[in-house]
Amino acid sequence: MVDDDRDLCDLIADFLGEEGYAVTRAYLGQSAIDSARMSAPDVVLLDLLLPDVPGLDVGHALRKAAHTHDVPIVIISGDRAAIARSKTELSADSYIEKPFSLAAVQHAVRAALGQHNGAPDAAA
């Protein structure tokens, strides 16, 4: 989970944790890249408007790295123009526009992981 809004990041991470997912939080783009280098996530929830490294650049870095090139990326953003750019530049797997419900996050994570019902079997 990558978002500089700590409250939102923590809310989503806590919710997914309660759903059985192991969630790593990053509040900055570089932290997300560094964390993914150490341990490839099963899915990335990525805000596009980060203060240090733009979310698109984080996504590109993940797509370029051998061990994360096929990790599903779910874009979370309130900026429609940024979402549109990410569709063409990043080929993200899914998009969630802010504001959103936690149910939408759960649905996007399950879809990205290929899950339809039941308990999670992978980390978020």
N, C-alpha and C. Protein backbone atom coordinates (compact mmCIF):
# COMPACT_ATOMS: atom_id res chain seq x y z
N MET A 1 0.85 -1.17 0.00
CA MET A 1 0.00 0.00 0.00
C MET A 1 0.90 1.23 0.00
N VAL A 2 0.77 2.06 -1.04
CA VAL A 2 1.63 3.24 -1.17
C VAL A 2 0.75 4.48 -1.27
N ASP A 3 0.80 5.30 -0.24
CA ASP A 3 0.05 6.56 -0.24
C ASP A 3 0.67 7.48 0.80
N ASP A 4 0.88 8.73 0.44
CA ASP A 4 1.46 9.68 1.38
C ASP A 4 0.44 10.17 2.42
N ASP A 5 -0.83 9.92 2.20
CA ASP A 5 -1.86 10.23 3.18
C ASP A 5 -1.83 9.09 4.21
N ARG A 6 -1.12 9.31 5.29
CA ARG A 6 -0.90 8.25 6.28
C ARG A 6 -2.20 7.70 6.84
N ASP A 7 -3.17 8.57 7.09
CA ASP A 7 -4.44 8.09 7.63
C ASP A 7 -5.14 7.16 6.66
N LEU A 8 -5.17 7.54 5.40
CA LEU A 8 -5.80 6.69 4.38
C LEU A 8 -5.02 5.40 4.19
N CYS A 9 -3.72 5.51 4.12
CA CYS A 9 -2.86 4.32 3.95
C CYS A 9 -3.08 3.35 5.11
N ASP A 10 -3.09 3.88 6.33
CA ASP A 10 -3.29 3.04 7.50
C ASP A 10 -4.68 2.43 7.53
N LEU A 11 -5.69 3.20 7.13
CA LEU A 11 -7.06 2.69 7.09
C LEU A 11 -7.17 1.50 6.14
N ILE A 12 -6.65 1.67 4.94
CA ILE A 12 -6.71 0.59 3.95
C ILE A 12 -5.88 -0.61 4.40
N ALA A 13 -4.68 -0.35 4.90
CA ALA A 13 -3.81 -1.44 5.35
C ALA A 13 -4.44 -2.21 6.50
N ASP A 14 -5.03 -1.49 7.45
CA ASP A 14 -5.69 -2.15 8.58
C ASP A 14 -6.88 -2.97 8.10
N PHE A 15 -7.67 -2.41 7.19
CA PHE A 15 -8.82 -3.12 6.65
C PHE A 15 -8.38 -4.41 5.95
N LEU A 16 -7.37 -4.30 5.08
CA LEU A 16 -6.90 -5.49 4.37
C LEU A 16 -6.27 -6.49 5.33
N GLY A 17 -5.62 -5.99 6.38
CA GLY A 17 -5.06 -6.88 7.40
C GLY A 17 -6.16 -7.67 8.10
N GLU A 18 -7.27 -7.00 8.38
CA GLU A 18 -8.41 -7.69 9.01
C GLU A 18 -9.02 -8.72 8.06
N GLU A 19 -8.83 -8.52 6.76
CA GLU A 19 -9.33 -9.46 5.76
C GLU A 19 -8.36 -10.63 5.55
N GLY A 20 -7.23 -10.59 6.24
CA GLY A 20 -6.29 -11.69 6.18
C GLY A 20 -5.07 -11.47 5.30
N TYR A 21 -4.94 -10.28 4.75
CA TYR A 21 -3.79 -9.98 3.90
C TYR A 21 -2.64 -9.45 4.75
N ALA A 22 -1.43 -9.78 4.37
CA ALA A 22 -0.23 -9.20 4.98
C ALA A 22 0.09 -7.94 4.17
N VAL A 23 0.08 -6.79 4.81
CA VAL A 23 0.21 -5.52 4.11
C VAL A 23 1.47 -4.78 4.55
N THR A 24 2.25 -4.35 3.58
CA THR A 24 3.39 -3.48 3.83
C THR A 24 2.99 -2.08 3.43
N ARG A 25 3.30 -1.11 4.27
CA ARG A 25 2.93 0.29 4.02
C ARG A 25 4.15 1.08 3.59
N ALA A 26 3.94 1.95 2.63
CA ALA A 26 4.97 2.90 2.22
C ALA A 26 4.28 4.24 2.03
N TYR A 27 4.84 5.26 2.66
CA TYR A 27 4.25 6.59 2.58
C TYR A 27 4.94 7.46 1.54
N LEU A 28 6.03 6.96 0.98
CA LEU A 28 6.78 7.66 -0.06
C LEU A 28 7.09 6.70 -1.20
N GLY A 29 7.25 7.24 -2.38
CA GLY A 29 7.54 6.42 -3.55
C GLY A 29 8.84 5.65 -3.44
N GLN A 30 9.90 6.31 -2.97
CA GLN A 30 11.19 5.63 -2.87
C GLN A 30 11.13 4.50 -1.85
N SER A 31 10.40 4.69 -0.78
CA SER A 31 10.22 3.62 0.21
C SER A 31 9.54 2.41 -0.41
N ALA A 32 8.57 2.67 -1.28
CA ALA A 32 7.87 1.57 -1.95
C ALA A 32 8.81 0.80 -2.87
N ILE A 33 9.62 1.53 -3.62
CA ILE A 33 10.58 0.88 -4.52
C ILE A 33 11.57 0.05 -3.71
N ASP A 34 12.11 0.64 -2.64
CA ASP A 34 13.07 -0.08 -1.80
C ASP A 34 12.45 -1.32 -1.17
N SER A 35 11.24 -1.21 -0.69
CA SER A 35 10.56 -2.34 -0.07
C SER A 35 10.33 -3.46 -1.09
N ALA A 36 9.93 -3.09 -2.30
CA ALA A 36 9.68 -4.10 -3.33
C ALA A 36 10.98 -4.79 -3.77
N ARG A 37 12.09 -4.08 -3.68
CA ARG A 37 13.39 -4.70 -4.01
C ARG A 37 13.74 -5.79 -3.00
N MET A 38 13.37 -5.55 -1.73
CA MET A 38 13.69 -6.53 -0.69
C MET A 38 12.76 -7.73 -0.72
N SER A 39 11.49 -7.49 -1.04
CA SER A 39 10.51 -8.57 -1.06
C SER A 39 9.39 -8.19 -2.01
N ALA A 40 9.29 -8.92 -3.10
CA ALA A 40 8.28 -8.59 -4.12
C ALA A 40 6.87 -8.80 -3.56
N PRO A 41 6.03 -7.79 -3.67
CA PRO A 41 4.65 -7.93 -3.20
C PRO A 41 3.83 -8.76 -4.19
N ASP A 42 2.67 -9.20 -3.75
CA ASP A 42 1.76 -9.93 -4.63
C ASP A 42 0.87 -8.97 -5.42
N VAL A 43 0.65 -7.78 -4.87
CA VAL A 43 -0.11 -6.73 -5.53
C VAL A 43 0.32 -5.40 -4.91
N VAL A 44 0.25 -4.33 -5.70
CA VAL A 44 0.61 -3.00 -5.21
C VAL A 44 -0.59 -2.08 -5.38
N LEU A 45 -0.99 -1.43 -4.28
CA LEU A 45 -1.98 -0.36 -4.33
C LEU A 45 -1.18 0.93 -4.34
N LEU A 46 -1.30 1.71 -5.40
CA LEU A 46 -0.37 2.82 -5.63
C LEU A 46 -1.09 4.14 -5.88
N ASP A 47 -0.86 5.10 -5.00
CA ASP A 47 -1.32 6.47 -5.23
C ASP A 47 -0.38 7.10 -6.24
N LEU A 48 -0.90 7.93 -7.11
CA LEU A 48 -0.08 8.54 -8.15
C LEU A 48 0.57 9.85 -7.72
N LEU A 49 -0.02 10.53 -6.76
CA LEU A 49 0.48 11.84 -6.35
C LEU A 49 1.26 11.72 -5.05
N LEU A 50 2.52 11.37 -5.18
CA LEU A 50 3.41 11.20 -4.03
C LEU A 50 4.39 12.37 -3.98
N PRO A 51 4.84 12.77 -2.79
CA PRO A 51 5.68 13.97 -2.68
C PRO A 51 7.12 13.81 -3.15
N ASP A 52 7.64 12.60 -3.18
CA ASP A 52 9.05 12.44 -3.54
C ASP A 52 9.24 11.90 -4.95
N VAL A 53 8.72 10.74 -5.22
CA VAL A 53 8.82 10.11 -6.53
C VAL A 53 7.39 9.96 -7.06
N PRO A 54 7.09 10.51 -8.22
CA PRO A 54 5.73 10.38 -8.73
C PRO A 54 5.30 8.91 -8.84
N GLY A 55 4.03 8.67 -8.58
CA GLY A 55 3.52 7.30 -8.62
C GLY A 55 3.77 6.60 -9.95
N LEU A 56 3.66 7.34 -11.05
CA LEU A 56 3.96 6.73 -12.36
C LEU A 56 5.39 6.23 -12.41
N ASP A 57 6.32 6.99 -11.84
CA ASP A 57 7.72 6.56 -11.82
C ASP A 57 7.91 5.34 -10.93
N VAL A 58 7.18 5.28 -9.83
CA VAL A 58 7.22 4.08 -8.98
C VAL A 58 6.72 2.88 -9.78
N GLY A 59 5.61 3.06 -10.45
CA GLY A 59 5.07 1.98 -11.27
C GLY A 59 6.03 1.53 -12.35
N HIS A 60 6.67 2.49 -13.02
CA HIS A 60 7.66 2.15 -14.05
C HIS A 60 8.83 1.38 -13.46
N ALA A 61 9.30 1.80 -12.29
CA ALA A 61 10.41 1.10 -11.63
C ALA A 61 10.01 -0.34 -11.31
N LEU A 62 8.79 -0.54 -10.86
CA LEU A 62 8.32 -1.90 -10.55
C LEU A 62 8.21 -2.72 -11.82
N ARG A 63 7.73 -2.13 -12.89
CA ARG A 63 7.58 -2.84 -14.17
C ARG A 63 8.93 -3.20 -14.78
N LYS A 64 9.96 -2.39 -14.52
CA LYS A 64 11.28 -2.64 -15.09
C LYS A 64 12.08 -3.70 -14.33
N ALA A 65 11.81 -3.85 -13.04
CA ALA A 65 12.58 -4.79 -12.22
C ALA A 65 12.14 -6.23 -12.51
N ALA A 66 13.09 -7.11 -12.66
CA ALA A 66 12.80 -8.49 -13.03
C ALA A 66 11.85 -9.17 -12.06
N HIS A 67 12.02 -8.94 -10.76
CA HIS A 67 11.22 -9.67 -9.78
C HIS A 67 9.86 -9.02 -9.49
N THR A 68 9.60 -7.84 -10.07
CA THR A 68 8.30 -7.20 -9.85
C THR A 68 7.60 -6.82 -11.16
N HIS A 69 8.15 -7.21 -12.29
CA HIS A 69 7.59 -6.76 -13.56
C HIS A 69 6.16 -7.23 -13.80
N ASP A 70 5.78 -8.35 -13.20
CA ASP A 70 4.43 -8.86 -13.43
C ASP A 70 3.52 -8.73 -12.20
N VAL A 71 3.95 -7.96 -11.21
CA VAL A 71 3.13 -7.73 -10.03
C VAL A 71 1.96 -6.83 -10.42
N PRO A 72 0.73 -7.24 -10.11
CA PRO A 72 -0.42 -6.38 -10.42
C PRO A 72 -0.33 -5.05 -9.68
N ILE A 73 -0.66 -3.98 -10.40
CA ILE A 73 -0.67 -2.64 -9.82
C ILE A 73 -2.09 -2.09 -9.90
N VAL A 74 -2.60 -1.69 -8.74
CA VAL A 74 -3.91 -1.05 -8.65
C VAL A 74 -3.67 0.42 -8.33
N ILE A 75 -4.05 1.28 -9.24
CA ILE A 75 -3.87 2.72 -9.06
C ILE A 75 -5.00 3.26 -8.19
N ILE A 76 -4.61 4.08 -7.21
CA ILE A 76 -5.57 4.77 -6.36
C ILE A 76 -5.25 6.26 -6.48
N SER A 77 -6.22 7.03 -6.99
CA SER A 77 -5.96 8.46 -7.15
C SER A 77 -7.26 9.24 -7.24
N GLY A 78 -7.20 10.47 -6.84
CA GLY A 78 -8.32 11.38 -6.99
C GLY A 78 -8.15 12.28 -8.20
N ASP A 79 -7.07 12.12 -8.92
CA ASP A 79 -6.74 12.95 -10.08
C ASP A 79 -7.08 12.19 -11.36
N ARG A 80 -8.20 12.55 -11.98
CA ARG A 80 -8.64 11.85 -13.19
C ARG A 80 -7.61 11.92 -14.32
N ALA A 81 -6.95 13.05 -14.46
CA ALA A 81 -5.94 13.20 -15.52
C ALA A 81 -4.77 12.25 -15.26
N ALA A 82 -4.38 12.11 -14.00
CA ALA A 82 -3.28 11.19 -13.66
C ALA A 82 -3.69 9.74 -13.92
N ILE A 83 -4.94 9.42 -13.61
CA ILE A 83 -5.43 8.06 -13.89
C ILE A 83 -5.40 7.80 -15.38
N ALA A 84 -5.84 8.76 -16.18
CA ALA A 84 -5.83 8.60 -17.63
C ALA A 84 -4.41 8.38 -18.15
N ARG A 85 -3.44 9.16 -17.61
CA ARG A 85 -2.03 8.98 -18.02
C ARG A 85 -1.54 7.59 -17.64
N SER A 86 -1.93 7.13 -16.46
CA SER A 86 -1.45 5.82 -16.01
C SER A 86 -1.99 4.70 -16.88
N LYS A 87 -3.18 4.89 -17.43
CA LYS A 87 -3.76 3.87 -18.31
C LYS A 87 -2.92 3.69 -19.56
N THR A 88 -2.42 4.78 -20.10
CA THR A 88 -1.62 4.68 -21.33
C THR A 88 -0.15 4.42 -21.05
N GLU A 89 0.38 5.00 -19.98
CA GLU A 89 1.82 4.90 -19.72
C GLU A 89 2.23 3.70 -18.90
N LEU A 90 1.35 3.21 -18.05
CA LEU A 90 1.74 2.19 -17.08
C LEU A 90 1.05 0.84 -17.29
N SER A 91 -0.08 0.85 -17.94
CA SER A 91 -0.89 -0.37 -18.10
C SER A 91 -1.15 -1.03 -16.75
N ALA A 92 -1.64 -0.21 -15.83
CA ALA A 92 -1.98 -0.75 -14.51
C ALA A 92 -3.11 -1.76 -14.66
N ASP A 93 -3.22 -2.63 -13.68
CA ASP A 93 -4.20 -3.71 -13.75
C ASP A 93 -5.60 -3.26 -13.37
N SER A 94 -5.68 -2.22 -12.53
CA SER A 94 -6.97 -1.73 -12.07
C SER A 94 -6.82 -0.30 -11.58
N TYR A 95 -7.95 0.39 -11.46
CA TYR A 95 -7.96 1.79 -11.07
C TYR A 95 -9.09 2.02 -10.09
N ILE A 96 -8.79 2.77 -9.03
CA ILE A 96 -9.81 3.16 -8.06
C ILE A 96 -9.72 4.67 -7.91
N GLU A 97 -10.82 5.35 -8.16
CA GLU A 97 -10.83 6.80 -8.04
C GLU A 97 -11.28 7.21 -6.65
N LYS A 98 -10.51 8.13 -6.04
CA LYS A 98 -10.87 8.67 -4.73
C LYS A 98 -12.01 9.66 -4.92
N PRO A 99 -12.95 9.74 -4.01
CA PRO A 99 -13.14 8.87 -2.85
C PRO A 99 -13.71 7.52 -3.26
N PHE A 100 -13.51 6.52 -2.42
CA PHE A 100 -13.94 5.16 -2.73
C PHE A 100 -14.35 4.46 -1.45
N SER A 101 -14.96 3.30 -1.60
CA SER A 101 -15.34 2.49 -0.44
C SER A 101 -14.27 1.43 -0.20
N LEU A 102 -14.20 0.95 1.01
CA LEU A 102 -13.27 -0.14 1.30
C LEU A 102 -13.67 -1.40 0.54
N ALA A 103 -14.94 -1.56 0.27
CA ALA A 103 -15.39 -2.70 -0.54
C ALA A 103 -14.78 -2.65 -1.94
N ALA A 104 -14.64 -1.44 -2.50
CA ALA A 104 -14.02 -1.30 -3.81
C ALA A 104 -12.55 -1.70 -3.77
N VAL A 105 -11.88 -1.38 -2.68
CA VAL A 105 -10.48 -1.78 -2.51
C VAL A 105 -10.39 -3.30 -2.42
N GLN A 106 -11.24 -3.89 -1.60
CA GLN A 106 -11.25 -5.34 -1.45
C GLN A 106 -11.50 -6.02 -2.80
N HIS A 107 -12.47 -5.53 -3.55
CA HIS A 107 -12.78 -6.09 -4.86
C HIS A 107 -11.57 -5.99 -5.80
N ALA A 108 -10.92 -4.82 -5.83
CA ALA A 108 -9.77 -4.62 -6.71
C ALA A 108 -8.61 -5.55 -6.34
N VAL A 109 -8.36 -5.72 -5.04
CA VAL A 109 -7.28 -6.61 -4.60
C VAL A 109 -7.60 -8.05 -4.98
N ARG A 110 -8.81 -8.47 -4.70
CA ARG A 110 -9.20 -9.85 -5.06
C ARG A 110 -9.10 -10.08 -6.56
N ALA A 111 -9.56 -9.11 -7.34
CA ALA A 111 -9.48 -9.26 -8.80
C ALA A 111 -8.03 -9.32 -9.26
N ALA A 112 -7.18 -8.47 -8.69
CA ALA A 112 -5.77 -8.45 -9.08
C ALA A 112 -5.07 -9.76 -8.74
N LEU A 113 -5.52 -10.39 -7.66
CA LEU A 113 -4.92 -11.65 -7.24
C LEU A 113 -5.63 -12.86 -7.84
N GLY A 114 -6.68 -12.61 -8.62
CA GLY A 114 -7.41 -13.71 -9.24
C GLY A 114 -8.33 -14.43 -8.28
N GLN A 115 -8.72 -13.78 -7.21
CA GLN A 115 -9.61 -14.38 -6.22
C GLN A 115 -11.03 -13.89 -6.46
N HIS A 116 -11.99 -14.76 -6.16
CA HIS A 116 -13.37 -14.37 -6.32
C HIS A 116 -14.12 -14.41 -5.01
N ASN A 117 -13.90 -15.43 -4.24
CA ASN A 117 -14.57 -15.58 -2.94
C ASN A 117 -13.61 -16.23 -1.96
N GLY A 118 -13.97 -16.16 -0.71
CA GLY A 118 -13.19 -16.88 0.30
C GLY A 118 -12.03 -16.07 0.82
N ALA A 119 -11.22 -16.74 1.62
CA ALA A 119 -10.10 -16.11 2.31
C ALA A 119 -8.96 -15.83 1.34
N PRO A 120 -8.20 -14.80 1.62
CA PRO A 120 -7.05 -14.49 0.76
C PRO A 120 -5.98 -15.56 0.88
N ASP A 121 -5.24 -15.73 -0.22
CA ASP A 121 -4.15 -16.68 -0.18
C ASP A 121 -2.83 -16.03 -0.55
N ALA A 122 -2.81 -14.69 -0.54
CA ALA A 122 -1.58 -13.99 -0.87
C ALA A 122 -1.56 -12.64 -0.16
N ALA A 123 -0.38 -12.06 -0.11
CA ALA A 123 -0.21 -10.76 0.56
C ALA A 123 -0.65 -9.62 -0.35
N ALA A 124 -1.00 -8.52 0.26
CA ALA A 124 -1.38 -7.33 -0.52
C ALA A 124 -0.34 -6.25 -0.30
